[in-house]
PDB file of N, CA and C in Angstrom:
ATOM      1  N   MET A   1      15.641  18.405 -10.683  1.00  0.00           N
ATOM      2  CA  MET A   1      16.169  17.788  -9.488  1.00  0.00           C
ATOM      3  C   MET A   1      15.428  16.482  -9.227  1.00  0.00           C
ATOM      4  N   GLU A   2      16.193  15.424  -9.120  1.00  0.00           N
ATOM      5  CA  GLU A   2      15.611  14.101  -8.863  1.00  0.00           C
ATOM      6  C   GLU A   2      15.304  13.959  -7.379  1.00  0.00           C
ATOM      7  N   LYS A   3      14.138  13.371  -7.081  1.00  0.00           N
ATOM      8  CA  LYS A   3      13.739  13.108  -5.704  1.00  0.00           C
ATOM      9  C   LYS A   3      13.594  11.611  -5.510  1.00  0.00           C
ATOM     10  N   GLU A   4      13.942  11.161  -4.313  1.00  0.00           N
ATOM     11  CA  GLU A   4      13.838   9.737  -4.007  1.00  0.00           C
ATOM     12  C   GLU A   4      13.415   9.578  -2.550  1.00  0.00           C
ATOM     13  N   PHE A   5      12.473   8.671  -2.320  1.00  0.00           N
ATOM     14  CA  PHE A   5      12.053   8.318  -0.970  1.00  0.00           C
ATOM     15  C   PHE A   5      11.730   6.842  -0.955  1.00  0.00           C
ATOM     16  N   ALA A   6      12.460   6.097  -0.165  1.00  0.00           N
ATOM     17  CA  ALA A   6      12.252   4.648  -0.101  1.00  0.00           C
ATOM     18  C   ALA A   6      12.167   4.221   1.356  1.00  0.00           C
ATOM     19  N   VAL A   7      11.239   3.336   1.636  1.00  0.00           N
ATOM     20  CA  VAL A   7      11.078   2.766   2.969  1.00  0.00           C
ATOM     21  C   VAL A   7      11.157   1.258   2.831  1.00  0.00           C
ATOM     22  N   ARG A   8      11.930   0.646   3.701  1.00  0.00           N
ATOM     23  CA  ARG A   8      12.072  -0.809   3.666  1.00  0.00           C
ATOM     24  C   ARG A   8      11.761  -1.351   5.053  1.00  0.00           C
ATOM     25  N   PHE A   9      10.883  -2.342   5.086  1.00  0.00           N
ATOM     26  CA  PHE A   9      10.538  -3.027   6.321  1.00  0.00           C
ATOM     27  C   PHE A   9      11.056  -4.459   6.211  1.00  0.00           C
ATOM     28  N   LYS A  10      11.775  -4.884   7.214  1.00  0.00           N
ATOM     29  CA  LYS A  10      12.286  -6.256   7.252  1.00  0.00           C
ATOM     30  C   LYS A  10      11.838  -6.870   8.573  1.00  0.00           C
ATOM     31  N   ILE A  11      11.185  -8.023   8.499  1.00  0.00           N
ATOM     32  CA  ILE A  11      10.691  -8.686   9.695  1.00  0.00           C
ATOM     33  C   ILE A  11      11.543  -9.931   9.940  1.00  0.00           C
ATOM     34  N   VAL A  12      12.235  -9.916  11.070  1.00  0.00           N
ATOM     35  CA  VAL A  12      13.134 -11.006  11.423  1.00  0.00           C
ATOM     36  C   VAL A  12      12.747 -11.506  12.812  1.00  0.00           C
ATOM     37  N   GLU A  13      12.298 -12.748  12.876  1.00  0.00           N
ATOM     38  CA  GLU A  13      11.922 -13.378  14.142  1.00  0.00           C
ATOM     39  C   GLU A  13      10.969 -12.493  14.954  1.00  0.00           C
ATOM     40  N   GLY A  14       9.995 -11.914  14.280  1.00  0.00           N
ATOM     41  CA  GLY A  14       8.994 -11.098  14.951  1.00  0.00           C
ATOM     42  C   GLY A  14       9.404  -9.661  15.217  1.00  0.00           C
ATOM     43  N   ASN A  15      10.633  -9.305  14.919  1.00  0.00           N
ATOM     44  CA  ASN A  15      11.111  -7.931  15.095  1.00  0.00           C
ATOM     45  C   ASN A  15      11.096  -7.204  13.760  1.00  0.00           C
ATOM     46  N   ILE A  16      10.645  -5.961  13.784  1.00  0.00           N
ATOM     47  CA  ILE A  16      10.546  -5.176  12.554  1.00  0.00           C
ATOM     48  C   ILE A  16      11.712  -4.198  12.481  1.00  0.00           C
ATOM     49  N   GLU A  17      12.451  -4.279  11.389  1.00  0.00           N
ATOM     50  CA  GLU A  17      13.524  -3.331  11.112  1.00  0.00           C
ATOM     51  C   GLU A  17      13.041  -2.386  10.026  1.00  0.00           C
ATOM     52  N   THR A  18      13.263  -1.108  10.204  1.00  0.00           N
ATOM     53  CA  THR A  18      12.827  -0.107   9.233  1.00  0.00           C
ATOM     54  C   THR A  18      14.036   0.691   8.756  1.00  0.00           C
ATOM     55  N   GLN A  19      14.127   0.859   7.442  1.00  0.00           N
ATOM     56  CA  GLN A  19      15.170   1.686   6.854  1.00  0.00           C
ATOM     57  C   GLN A  19      14.516   2.685   5.921  1.00  0.00           C
ATOM     58  N   MET A  20      14.971   3.925   5.955  1.00  0.00           N
ATOM     59  CA  MET A  20      14.463   4.947   5.046  1.00  0.00           C
ATOM     60  C   MET A  20      15.634   5.585   4.310  1.00  0.00           C
ATOM     61  N   LYS A  21      15.374   5.880   3.044  1.00  0.00           N
ATOM     62  CA  LYS A  21      16.366   6.556   2.220  1.00  0.00           C
ATOM     63  C   LYS A  21      15.673   7.757   1.579  1.00  0.00           C
ATOM     64  N   GLN A  22      16.236   8.937   1.752  1.00  0.00           N
ATOM     65  CA  GLN A  22      15.657  10.153   1.206  1.00  0.00           C
ATOM     66  C   GLN A  22      16.701  10.911   0.403  1.00  0.00           C
ATOM     67  N   LYS A  23      16.233  11.482  -0.691  1.00  0.00           N
ATOM     68  CA  LYS A  23      17.096  12.334  -1.499  1.00  0.00           C
ATOM     69  C   LYS A  23      16.234  13.476  -2.029  1.00  0.00           C
ATOM     70  N   ASN A  24      16.502  14.675  -1.569  1.00  0.00           N
ATOM     71  CA  ASN A  24      15.783  15.885  -2.003  1.00  0.00           C
ATOM     72  C   ASN A  24      14.277  15.804  -1.717  1.00  0.00           C
ATOM     73  N   VAL A  25      13.904  15.159  -0.609  1.00  0.00           N
ATOM     74  CA  VAL A  25      12.504  15.043  -0.212  1.00  0.00           C
ATOM     75  C   VAL A  25      12.364  15.660   1.177  1.00  0.00           C
ATOM     76  N   SER A  26      11.467  16.617   1.297  1.00  0.00           N
ATOM     77  CA  SER A  26      11.248  17.261   2.593  1.00  0.00           C
ATOM     78  C   SER A  26      10.462  16.328   3.507  1.00  0.00           C
ATOM     79  N   PRO A  27      10.515  16.560   4.810  1.00  0.00           N
ATOM     80  CA  PRO A  27       9.727  15.737   5.724  1.00  0.00           C
ATOM     81  C   PRO A  27       8.230  15.776   5.399  1.00  0.00           C
ATOM     82  N   GLN A  28       7.725  16.931   4.981  1.00  0.00           N
ATOM     83  CA  GLN A  28       6.311  17.042   4.620  1.00  0.00           C
ATOM     84  C   GLN A  28       5.985  16.184   3.402  1.00  0.00           C
ATOM     85  N   GLU A  29       6.864  16.173   2.423  1.00  0.00           N
ATOM     86  CA  GLU A  29       6.647  15.343   1.233  1.00  0.00           C
ATOM     87  C   GLU A  29       6.692  13.860   1.599  1.00  0.00           C
ATOM     88  N   ALA A  30       7.616  13.487   2.482  1.00  0.00           N
ATOM     89  CA  ALA A  30       7.725  12.094   2.910  1.00  0.00           C
ATOM     90  C   ALA A  30       6.439  11.647   3.597  1.00  0.00           C
ATOM     91  N   ILE A  31       5.892  12.486   4.453  1.00  0.00           N
ATOM     92  CA  ILE A  31       4.637  12.160   5.130  1.00  0.00           C
ATOM     93  C   ILE A  31       3.517  12.008   4.106  1.00  0.00           C
ATOM     94  N   GLY A  32       3.461  12.889   3.123  1.00  0.00           N
ATOM     95  CA  GLY A  32       2.449  12.800   2.077  1.00  0.00           C
ATOM     96  C   GLY A  32       2.563  11.507   1.287  1.00  0.00           C
ATOM     97  N   LEU A  33       3.782  11.104   0.971  1.00  0.00           N
ATOM     98  CA  LEU A  33       3.986   9.854   0.238  1.00  0.00           C
ATOM     99  C   LEU A  33       3.551   8.647   1.066  1.00  0.00           C
ATOM    100  N   LEU A  34       3.850   8.673   2.361  1.00  0.00           N
ATOM    101  CA  LEU A  34       3.417   7.587   3.237  1.00  0.00           C
ATOM    102  C   LEU A  34       1.897   7.537   3.335  1.00  0.00           C
ATOM    103  N   GLU A  35       1.260   8.689   3.384  1.00  0.00           N
ATOM    104  CA  GLU A  35      -0.209   8.742   3.424  1.00  0.00           C
ATOM    105  C   GLU A  35      -0.812   8.183   2.141  1.00  0.00           C
ATOM    106  N   MET A  36      -0.185   8.490   0.995  1.00  0.00           N
ATOM    107  CA  MET A  36      -0.668   7.953  -0.281  1.00  0.00           C
ATOM    108  C   MET A  36      -0.569   6.431  -0.287  1.00  0.00           C
ATOM    109  N   ALA A  37       0.558   5.896   0.201  1.00  0.00           N
ATOM    110  CA  ALA A  37       0.734   4.445   0.248  1.00  0.00           C
ATOM    111  C   ALA A  37      -0.294   3.819   1.177  1.00  0.00           C
ATOM    112  N   LYS A  38      -0.535   4.448   2.317  1.00  0.00           N
ATOM    113  CA  LYS A  38      -1.532   3.937   3.268  1.00  0.00           C
ATOM    114  C   LYS A  38      -2.914   3.906   2.628  1.00  0.00           C
ATOM    115  N   SER A  39      -3.278   4.972   1.937  1.00  0.00           N
ATOM    116  CA  SER A  39      -4.584   5.028   1.279  1.00  0.00           C
ATOM    117  C   SER A  39      -4.727   3.925   0.245  1.00  0.00           C
ATOM    118  N   GLN A  40      -3.673   3.697  -0.525  1.00  0.00           N
ATOM    119  CA  GLN A  40      -3.713   2.659  -1.552  1.00  0.00           C
ATOM    120  C   GLN A  40      -3.861   1.283  -0.919  1.00  0.00           C
ATOM    121  N   LEU A  41      -3.129   1.033   0.166  1.00  0.00           N
ATOM    122  CA  LEU A  41      -3.245  -0.248   0.863  1.00  0.00           C
ATOM    123  C   LEU A  41      -4.655  -0.464   1.389  1.00  0.00           C
ATOM    124  N   LEU A  42      -5.222   0.533   2.038  1.00  0.00           N
ATOM    125  CA  LEU A  42      -6.565   0.411   2.598  1.00  0.00           C
ATOM    126  C   LEU A  42      -7.609   0.228   1.511  1.00  0.00           C
ATOM    127  N   GLU A  43      -7.459   0.925   0.399  1.00  0.00           N
ATOM    128  CA  GLU A  43      -8.406   0.789  -0.712  1.00  0.00           C
ATOM    129  C   GLU A  43      -8.368  -0.627  -1.292  1.00  0.00           C
ATOM    130  N   ASN A  44      -7.172  -1.144  -1.483  1.00  0.00           N
ATOM    131  CA  ASN A  44      -7.041  -2.496  -2.040  1.00  0.00           C
ATOM    132  C   ASN A  44      -7.530  -3.553  -1.055  1.00  0.00           C
ATOM    133  N   LEU A  45      -7.310  -3.338   0.232  1.00  0.00           N
ATOM    134  CA  LEU A  45      -7.837  -4.278   1.230  1.00  0.00           C
ATOM    135  C   LEU A  45      -9.354  -4.298   1.212  1.00  0.00           C
ATOM    136  N   SER A  46      -9.966  -3.129   1.040  1.00  0.00           N
ATOM    137  CA  SER A  46     -11.428  -3.072   1.020  1.00  0.00           C
ATOM    138  C   SER A  46     -12.006  -3.783  -0.200  1.00  0.00           C
ATOM    139  N   LYS A  47     -11.203  -3.922  -1.245  1.00  0.00           N
ATOM    140  CA  LYS A  47     -11.633  -4.626  -2.457  1.00  0.00           C
ATOM    141  C   LYS A  47     -11.255  -6.100  -2.407  1.00  0.00           C
ATOM    142  N   ASN A  48     -10.712  -6.552  -1.271  1.00  0.00           N
ATOM    143  CA  ASN A  48     -10.275  -7.942  -1.091  1.00  0.00           C
ATOM    144  C   ASN A  48      -9.269  -8.386  -2.146  1.00  0.00           C
ATOM    145  N   ARG A  49      -8.394  -7.479  -2.507  1.00  0.00           N
ATOM    146  CA  ARG A  49      -7.371  -7.836  -3.489  1.00  0.00           C
ATOM    147  C   ARG A  49      -6.193  -8.484  -2.799  1.00  0.00           C
ATOM    148  N   LYS A  50      -5.604  -9.453  -3.463  1.00  0.00           N
ATOM    149  CA  LYS A  50      -4.449 -10.144  -2.886  1.00  0.00           C
ATOM    150  C   LYS A  50      -3.173  -9.340  -3.094  1.00  0.00           C
ATOM    151  N   ASP A  51      -3.068  -8.634  -4.202  1.00  0.00           N
ATOM    152  CA  ASP A  51      -1.902  -7.795  -4.444  1.00  0.00           C
ATOM    153  C   ASP A  51      -2.222  -6.401  -3.913  1.00  0.00           C
ATOM    154  N   ILE A  52      -2.076  -6.224  -2.602  1.00  0.00           N
ATOM    155  CA  ILE A  52      -2.603  -5.017  -1.972  1.00  0.00           C
ATOM    156  C   ILE A  52      -1.788  -3.768  -2.262  1.00  0.00           C
ATOM    157  N   PHE A  53      -0.593  -3.914  -2.793  1.00  0.00           N
ATOM    158  CA  PHE A  53       0.185  -2.713  -3.102  1.00  0.00           C
ATOM    159  C   PHE A  53       0.827  -2.878  -4.455  1.00  0.00           C
ATOM    160  N   SER A  54       0.676  -1.866  -5.255  1.00  0.00           N
ATOM    161  CA  SER A  54       1.311  -1.908  -6.576  1.00  0.00           C
ATOM    162  C   SER A  54       2.089  -0.626  -6.754  1.00  0.00           C
ATOM    163  N   GLY A  55       3.168  -0.712  -7.468  1.00  0.00           N
ATOM    164  CA  GLY A  55       3.986   0.463  -7.709  1.00  0.00           C
ATOM    165  C   GLY A  55       5.084   0.107  -8.695  1.00  0.00           C
ATOM    166  N   THR A  56       5.957   1.053  -8.902  1.00  0.00           N
ATOM    167  CA  THR A  56       7.055   0.819  -9.813  1.00  0.00           C
ATOM    168  C   THR A  56       8.348   1.134  -9.099  1.00  0.00           C
ATOM    169  N   PHE A  57       9.396   0.474  -9.510  1.00  0.00           N
ATOM    170  CA  PHE A  57      10.717   0.701  -8.959  1.00  0.00           C
ATOM    171  C   PHE A  57      11.660   0.920 -10.112  1.00  0.00           C
ATOM    172  N   LYS A  58      12.359   2.024 -10.047  1.00  0.00           N
ATOM    173  CA  LYS A  58      13.285   2.362 -11.117  1.00  0.00           C
ATOM    174  C   LYS A  58      14.669   2.562 -10.511  1.00  0.00           C
ATOM    175  N   GLU A  59      15.656   1.831 -11.015  1.00  0.00           N
ATOM    176  CA  GLU A  59      17.014   1.976 -10.484  1.00  0.00           C
ATOM    177  C   GLU A  59      17.774   2.983 -11.298  1.00  0.00           C
TER     178      GLU A  59
END
């Protein structure tokens, strides 16, 4: 079973629009994935990296 969880943030004139797409992902799994992304962002910020988030996208 394929699982998919995508979050998109769009900032327009200071307003943040958020879109989420889920496929076969429980709310608990979604929260875990968001926590993983947060941890990665914070770790890269602490290392003063400019590319603070890395990942892969597969269509």
